[in-house]
Amino acid sequence: MTSAAPPPGRAVADRPPEQLPEGHRAGSPGLRRASGAVFLAGLAVFAMLYEPQVLLPELTRAFGVGPEAATLAVSVATAGLALGLLVLGPVSDRRGRTAILRSSLVVSVVLAALLAVVPSWELLLVVRALQGFALAGLPAVGVAYLREELHPSVSSRGIGLYVGGTAIGGLSGRVLGGLLADLGGWRTTMAGIAALAAVCVAAVWVLLPPSRRFRPVPRTGRLLRQLGAAFTDPVLLGLYAVAALLMGGFVAVYNAATFRLEEPPYGLAPSVAGLVFLAYLLGSVSSPAAGALADRWSPRLVVPLAAAVMAGGVVLTLAAPLWVFVVGLCVLTTGFFAAHGVASSWVATRAAYGARAVGQAASLYSFWYYVGSSVGGTVAGRAWATGGWPAVVWLAGGTSAAALVLTVVLGRTRALAPPAP
């Protein structure tokens, strides 16, 4: 039987873990509300984060900027998100999860609506950077909230639903964005995604149960010590670099792909070009499949193999026939999500076995992941402008090859044993 919720205030902070209310179990209204709310939050956040990616050629024409500058519409947001992770994650450890999640979603939607009416390119970039920081509220607290509030027997299910929401959100922002761009241009896309996000955020406010099991970290000094400990393991540092390299190459390909598909010999409309992002669905298959292989073999084998698959897909995109180009995107997407999923799990396991804060290590992995997105996405614009698609392939192929070499080196390091029970 679920324990009664504690009275308002900081009573939970003073309770030992065994006296906290029980987490939401399977079949309970709390489980349905919590997992459903975080799913919708993931859909809204990642639709807003990646909506400009399919609009990059439209933005170059609307504001008279080059491809390199246009990619900043994505890069400044992911840079803001990376910074937000470093700020909002520790703040949530002291102040709680739900208030940060709700407020960040509302601010993000307001900024999304402003994007539809911004008069200048410079103001658009400022709003996107602020929006990226606000969007960090979900990845900074979402998994922690679910782990705290759901019973251990169903927490993986809830987190899986959240990851599904982020994937569908990223896909929706790109595909729906292309369709809306054909109907009314980039401002229509911005307004449409803002409306979709507003509906999702309203549902989150209604559905999200309040935190009942949150226990704040009492001192800032402890947070800083935990953060510093995450930098003392060379394997963790290597995995942070892997995250940046993989994501940098991945975003570089997809940013530049929107330009390539619009030009001859393809000449695709934004709505049709946006359909290439359906390749993301392969990630929802390859990531759990790679995780199962890692459980059977080892992350030290699976991550380099997946990085090699990604590099092979990048090379395939050099081919001129459209169907081969699409196959190459599918292969590199499969490899990327497989490598990223197992590498992020490797980080959590390594941190736990090394008696380091798992949450801090995971946040740093996400931070470098989005740093890679910002840098790779921007450099892709310069590569496309100066050397066309072959230059983009050199960029993405180089980062995936570097990640492959680094993971091979990490695989030869000493493995840590699980802590004694």
Foldseek 3Di string as FASTA:
>chain_A
DWDDFDDDDQVLQPDDLVPFTAAAEPPDLQLVLALLLLLLLLLLLLLLLQLCLLVLVLVCVVAVHFLLLSLLLNQLLLLLLLVLLVPQLLVCLAPNQPVLSLVLLVLLLVLLLVLLPDDHPVVSSVSSNVSSSSSNSSVSCVLVQLVQRHHPVCSVVSVLSSVVSNLNNNLCSLQVSLVQCVVPRNSSSSNVSSVSSVVSSVSSVVRHDGGRNRHHDDDPVVVVVLLVVLPPDVLLVLLLLLLLLLLLLLLLCSSQQSVVCCDPPRNDRSNVSSCLSVLLVLLSVLQVVLVVVCVVPNLLPSLLVLLVQLLVLLVQLVDDDPVSVSVSNSRNSSSSSNNVNSSLVVQLQQCQLVVGDSSSSSSSSSSSNSVSNSVSSSVSSVQCVPPNSVSSSCSSSVSSVVSSVSSNVSSPDDDGDHDDD
